[in-house]
Amino acid sequence: MDKPLPGTKLAERMLTRPQGATMSEIIAVTGGPQYNVLRKLKAMGCAVRQTREGRETRYSVTAQRPVYEMAVNDKGQVTLPKGLREEMRVFAGQTLEAAVEDGKIVLSTKTRSIRDMFGILGKPPNGKSLTNAEIRAARGRGAVERYLRSK
């Protein structure tokens, strides 16, 4: 049996239909307004057309392939626009690969190794790092607890 779709996916499907959807239609299906879906689609470069129908506004989204404009600074550096970073799931410090194919630049995320995960969790929430002795003591307590639970 198929899982039910989340409200955001339902709203996105309704908005991209040829007739579009009003917010009251979306609320009836999803249980709440989905203005965040409209903002996300706009950020992705889709054209959102708004048509007034009495007291309602009908939103029609035409899915366009987003085109991102970037400027090259005097050092030859380019800043990736936010929409492109979100679409590619790129975050600060990540490495990208670029290739030229038929006169076009193709960007892709570089495959990661386990060493790239170092430091991803940041500092502990209490702001205090444990010493090696404290780590060994905690590991020992854990082993004793596991042993006692098994008995």
C-alpha atoms as a PDB file:
ATOM      1  CA  MET A   1       0.000   0.000   0.000  1.00  0.00           C
ATOM      2  CA  ASP A   2       1.357   3.440  -0.892  1.00  0.00           C
ATOM      3  CA  LYS A   3       2.183   5.906   1.834  1.00  0.00           C
ATOM      4  CA  PRO A   4       0.146   9.129   1.788  1.00  0.00           C
ATOM      5  CA  LEU A   5       2.028  12.105   0.376  1.00  0.00           C
ATOM      6  CA  PRO A   6       2.981  14.987   2.669  1.00  0.00           C
ATOM      7  CA  GLY A   7       0.956  18.191   2.374  1.00  0.00           C
ATOM      8  CA  THR A   8       3.787  20.053   0.670  1.00  0.00           C
ATOM      9  CA  LYS A   9       3.977  17.493  -2.150  1.00  0.00           C
ATOM     10  CA  LEU A  10       0.191  17.529  -2.574  1.00  0.00           C
ATOM     11  CA  ALA A  11       0.208  21.324  -2.726  1.00  0.00           C
ATOM     12  CA  GLU A  12       3.043  21.301  -5.266  1.00  0.00           C
ATOM     13  CA  ARG A  13       1.118  18.880  -7.474  1.00  0.00           C
ATOM     14  CA  MET A  14      -2.032  20.991  -7.222  1.00  0.00           C
ATOM     15  CA  LEU A  15      -0.192  24.206  -8.075  1.00  0.00           C
ATOM     16  CA  THR A  16       1.539  22.714 -11.110  1.00  0.00           C
ATOM     17  CA  ARG A  17      -1.703  21.411 -12.635  1.00  0.00           C
ATOM     18  CA  PRO A  18      -2.775  23.291 -15.774  1.00  0.00           C
ATOM     19  CA  GLN A  19      -5.686  24.942 -13.927  1.00  0.00           C
ATOM     20  CA  GLY A  20      -3.593  25.720 -10.829  1.00  0.00           C
ATOM     21  CA  ALA A  21      -5.233  25.928  -7.408  1.00  0.00           C
ATOM     22  CA  THR A  22      -6.619  28.413  -4.928  1.00  0.00           C
ATOM     23  CA  MET A  23      -5.358  28.449  -1.369  1.00  0.00           C
ATOM     24  CA  SER A  24      -8.780  27.319  -0.102  1.00  0.00           C
ATOM     25  CA  GLU A  25      -8.565  24.246  -2.377  1.00  0.00           C
ATOM     26  CA  ILE A  26      -5.091  23.516  -1.016  1.00  0.00           C
ATOM     27  CA  ILE A  27      -6.294  23.968   2.573  1.00  0.00           C
ATOM     28  CA  ALA A  28      -9.171  21.535   1.931  1.00  0.00           C
ATOM     29  CA  VAL A  29      -6.734  18.850   0.716  1.00  0.00           C
ATOM     30  CA  THR A  30      -3.726  19.420   2.991  1.00  0.00           C
ATOM     31  CA  GLY A  31      -5.377  20.830   6.111  1.00  0.00           C
ATOM     32  CA  GLY A  32      -3.494  24.128   6.066  1.00  0.00           C
ATOM     33  CA  PRO A  33      -2.155  26.896   3.828  1.00  0.00           C
ATOM     34  CA  GLN A  34       1.004  26.094   1.898  1.00  0.00           C
ATOM     35  CA  TYR A  35       2.505  29.496   1.110  1.00  0.00           C
ATOM     36  CA  ASN A  36       5.946  28.027   1.788  1.00  0.00           C
ATOM     37  CA  VAL A  37       5.496  25.799  -1.276  1.00  0.00           C
ATOM     38  CA  LEU A  38       4.844  28.888  -3.419  1.00  0.00           C
ATOM     39  CA  ARG A  39       7.992  30.557  -2.073  1.00  0.00           C
ATOM     40  CA  LYS A  40      10.047  27.419  -2.727  1.00  0.00           C
ATOM     41  CA  LEU A  41       8.784  27.144  -6.305  1.00  0.00           C
ATOM     42  CA  LYS A  42       9.553  30.830  -6.925  1.00  0.00           C
ATOM     43  CA  ALA A  43      13.063  30.352  -5.520  1.00  0.00           C
ATOM     44  CA  MET A  44      13.573  27.421  -7.894  1.00  0.00           C
ATOM     45  CA  GLY A  45      12.837  29.728 -10.833  1.00  0.00           C
ATOM     46  CA  CYS A  46       9.282  28.651 -11.600  1.00  0.00           C
ATOM     47  CA  ALA A  47       6.896  31.309 -12.892  1.00  0.00           C
ATOM     48  CA  VAL A  48       3.938  31.820 -10.535  1.00  0.00           C
ATOM     49  CA  ARG A  49       0.882  33.477 -12.093  1.00  0.00           C
ATOM     50  CA  GLN A  50      -1.784  34.918  -9.789  1.00  0.00           C
ATOM     51  CA  THR A  51      -5.349  35.421 -11.031  1.00  0.00           C
ATOM     52  CA  ARG A  52      -8.090  36.964  -8.898  1.00  0.00           C
ATOM     53  CA  GLU A  53     -11.353  35.004  -8.822  1.00  0.00           C
ATOM     54  CA  GLY A  54     -13.749  36.977  -6.642  1.00  0.00           C
ATOM     55  CA  ARG A  55     -12.302  36.836  -3.128  1.00  0.00           C
ATOM     56  CA  GLU A  56      -9.865  34.060  -4.010  1.00  0.00           C
ATOM     57  CA  THR A  57      -6.535  34.089  -5.814  1.00  0.00           C
ATOM     58  CA  ARG A  58      -5.759  31.220  -8.164  1.00  0.00           C
ATOM     59  CA  TYR A  59      -2.073  30.351  -8.325  1.00  0.00           C
ATOM     60  CA  SER A  60      -0.744  28.722 -11.487  1.00  0.00           C
ATOM     61  CA  VAL A  61       2.851  27.562 -11.526  1.00  0.00           C
ATOM     62  CA  THR A  62       4.632  26.847 -14.772  1.00  0.00           C
ATOM     63  CA  ALA A  63       7.656  24.709 -14.158  1.00  0.00           C
ATOM     64  CA  GLN A  64      10.552  26.330 -15.930  1.00  0.00           C
ATOM     65  CA  ARG A  65      14.081  25.103 -15.798  1.00  0.00           C
ATOM     66  CA  PRO A  66      15.749  27.624 -13.514  1.00  0.00           C
ATOM     67  CA  VAL A  67      18.512  29.735 -14.975  1.00  0.00           C
ATOM     68  CA  TYR A  68      20.930  31.128 -12.452  1.00  0.00           C
ATOM     69  CA  GLU A  69      23.042  34.189 -13.149  1.00  0.00           C
ATOM     70  CA  MET A  70      26.434  34.520 -11.514  1.00  0.00           C
ATOM     71  CA  ALA A  71      29.072  37.194 -11.702  1.00  0.00           C
ATOM     72  CA  VAL A  72      32.789  36.481 -11.856  1.00  0.00           C
ATOM     73  CA  ASN A  73      34.887  38.736  -9.629  1.00  0.00           C
ATOM     74  CA  ASP A  74      38.386  39.997 -10.414  1.00  0.00           C
ATOM     75  CA  LYS A  75      39.928  36.876  -8.823  1.00  0.00           C
ATOM     76  CA  GLY A  76      37.900  34.599 -11.102  1.00  0.00           C
ATOM     77  CA  GLN A  77      35.617  33.473  -8.266  1.00  0.00           C
ATOM     78  CA  VAL A  78      31.895  32.803  -8.609  1.00  0.00           C
ATOM     79  CA  THR A  79      29.285  32.738  -5.841  1.00  0.00           C
ATOM     80  CA  LEU A  80      26.613  30.066  -6.270  1.00  0.00           C
ATOM     81  CA  PRO A  81      23.105  31.526  -5.847  1.00  0.00           C
ATOM     82  CA  LYS A  82      21.061  30.253  -2.919  1.00  0.00           C
ATOM     83  CA  GLY A  83      18.536  28.444  -5.136  1.00  0.00           C
ATOM     84  CA  LEU A  84      21.308  26.545  -6.920  1.00  0.00           C
ATOM     85  CA  ARG A  85      22.988  25.614  -3.618  1.00  0.00           C
ATOM     86  CA  GLU A  86      19.677  24.289  -2.274  1.00  0.00           C
ATOM     87  CA  GLU A  87      18.906  22.377  -5.468  1.00  0.00           C
ATOM     88  CA  MET A  88      22.358  20.755  -5.508  1.00  0.00           C
ATOM     89  CA  ARG A  89      22.389  20.329  -1.692  1.00  0.00           C
ATOM     90  CA  VAL A  90      25.733  22.090  -1.451  1.00  0.00           C
ATOM     91  CA  PHE A  91      26.909  23.483   1.885  1.00  0.00           C
ATOM     92  CA  ALA A  92      29.876  25.538   3.045  1.00  0.00           C
ATOM     93  CA  GLY A  93      33.191  23.718   2.855  1.00  0.00           C
ATOM     94  CA  GLN A  94      31.979  21.091   0.396  1.00  0.00           C
ATOM     95  CA  THR A  95      34.061  20.378  -2.709  1.00  0.00           C
ATOM     96  CA  LEU A  96      32.558  20.593  -6.191  1.00  0.00           C
ATOM     97  CA  GLU A  97      33.840  19.144  -9.442  1.00  0.00           C
ATOM     98  CA  ALA A  98      33.545  21.066 -12.708  1.00  0.00           C
ATOM     99  CA  ALA A  99      33.886  19.702 -16.227  1.00  0.00           C
ATOM    100  CA  VAL A 100      33.467  21.308 -19.646  1.00  0.00           C
ATOM    101  CA  GLU A 101      31.211  19.317 -21.979  1.00  0.00           C
ATOM    102  CA  ASP A 102      30.271  20.699 -25.402  1.00  0.00           C
ATOM    103  CA  GLY A 103      31.091  24.236 -24.316  1.00  0.00           C
ATOM    104  CA  LYS A 104      28.990  23.979 -21.124  1.00  0.00           C
ATOM    105  CA  ILE A 105      30.223  23.848 -17.556  1.00  0.00           C
ATOM    106  CA  VAL A 106      28.859  20.882 -15.628  1.00  0.00           C
ATOM    107  CA  LEU A 107      29.028  21.117 -11.821  1.00  0.00           C
ATOM    108  CA  SER A 108      28.679  18.114  -9.557  1.00  0.00           C
ATOM    109  CA  THR A 109      29.288  17.413  -5.907  1.00  0.00           C
ATOM    110  CA  LYS A 110      32.471  15.480  -5.244  1.00  0.00           C
ATOM    111  CA  THR A 111      32.043  12.097  -3.619  1.00  0.00           C
ATOM    112  CA  ARG A 112      32.858  12.280   0.040  1.00  0.00           C
ATOM    113  CA  SER A 113      35.060  10.114   2.203  1.00  0.00           C
ATOM    114  CA  ILE A 114      34.600   9.370   5.891  1.00  0.00           C
ATOM    115  CA  ARG A 115      37.408  11.792   6.683  1.00  0.00           C
ATOM    116  CA  ASP A 116      35.303  14.648   5.342  1.00  0.00           C
ATOM    117  CA  MET A 117      32.833  13.991   8.156  1.00  0.00           C
ATOM    118  CA  PHE A 118      35.344  15.105  10.808  1.00  0.00           C
ATOM    119  CA  GLY A 119      33.926  18.010  12.794  1.00  0.00           C
ATOM    120  CA  ILE A 120      30.455  17.833  11.243  1.00  0.00           C
ATOM    121  CA  LEU A 121      28.768  17.579  14.647  1.00  0.00           C
ATOM    122  CA  GLY A 122      30.540  20.613  16.040  1.00  0.00           C
ATOM    123  CA  LYS A 123      31.114  21.176  19.730  1.00  0.00           C
ATOM    124  CA  PRO A 124      29.053  19.479  22.454  1.00  0.00           C
ATOM    125  CA  PRO A 125      25.912  21.424  23.446  1.00  0.00           C
ATOM    126  CA  ASN A 126      27.209  22.112  26.956  1.00  0.00           C
ATOM    127  CA  GLY A 127      30.319  23.708  25.443  1.00  0.00           C
ATOM    128  CA  LYS A 128      32.644  21.393  27.379  1.00  0.00           C
ATOM    129  CA  SER A 129      34.879  18.855  25.657  1.00  0.00           C
ATOM    130  CA  LEU A 130      35.734  15.603  27.393  1.00  0.00           C
ATOM    131  CA  THR A 131      39.301  14.627  28.145  1.00  0.00           C
ATOM    132  CA  ASN A 132      40.675  11.247  27.073  1.00  0.00           C
ATOM    133  CA  ALA A 133      40.497  10.016  30.677  1.00  0.00           C
ATOM    134  CA  GLU A 134      36.808  10.996  30.908  1.00  0.00           C
ATOM    135  CA  ILE A 135      36.083   9.228  27.627  1.00  0.00           C
ATOM    136  CA  ARG A 136      37.821   6.043  28.843  1.00  0.00           C
ATOM    137  CA  ALA A 137      35.884   6.185  32.129  1.00  0.00           C
ATOM    138  CA  ALA A 138      32.553   6.630  30.314  1.00  0.00           C
ATOM    139  CA  ARG A 139      33.389   3.751  27.969  1.00  0.00           C
ATOM    140  CA  GLY A 140      34.149   1.558  31.000  1.00  0.00           C
ATOM    141  CA  ARG A 141      30.879   2.516  32.714  1.00  0.00           C
ATOM    142  CA  GLY A 142      29.003   1.686  29.510  1.00  0.00           C
ATOM    143  CA  ALA A 143      30.653  -1.727  29.295  1.00  0.00           C
ATOM    144  CA  VAL A 144      29.758  -2.485  32.923  1.00  0.00           C
ATOM    145  CA  GLU A 145      26.134  -1.377  32.353  1.00  0.00           C
ATOM    146  CA  ARG A 146      25.839  -3.574  29.258  1.00  0.00           C
ATOM    147  CA  TYR A 147      27.245  -6.534  31.202  1.00  0.00           C
ATOM    148  CA  LEU A 148      24.843  -6.002  34.113  1.00  0.00           C
ATOM    149  CA  ARG A 149      21.856  -5.703  31.731  1.00  0.00           C
ATOM    150  CA  SER A 150      22.784  -8.991  30.085  1.00  0.00           C
ATOM    151  CA  LYS A 151      22.685 -10.867  33.419  1.00  0.00           C
END
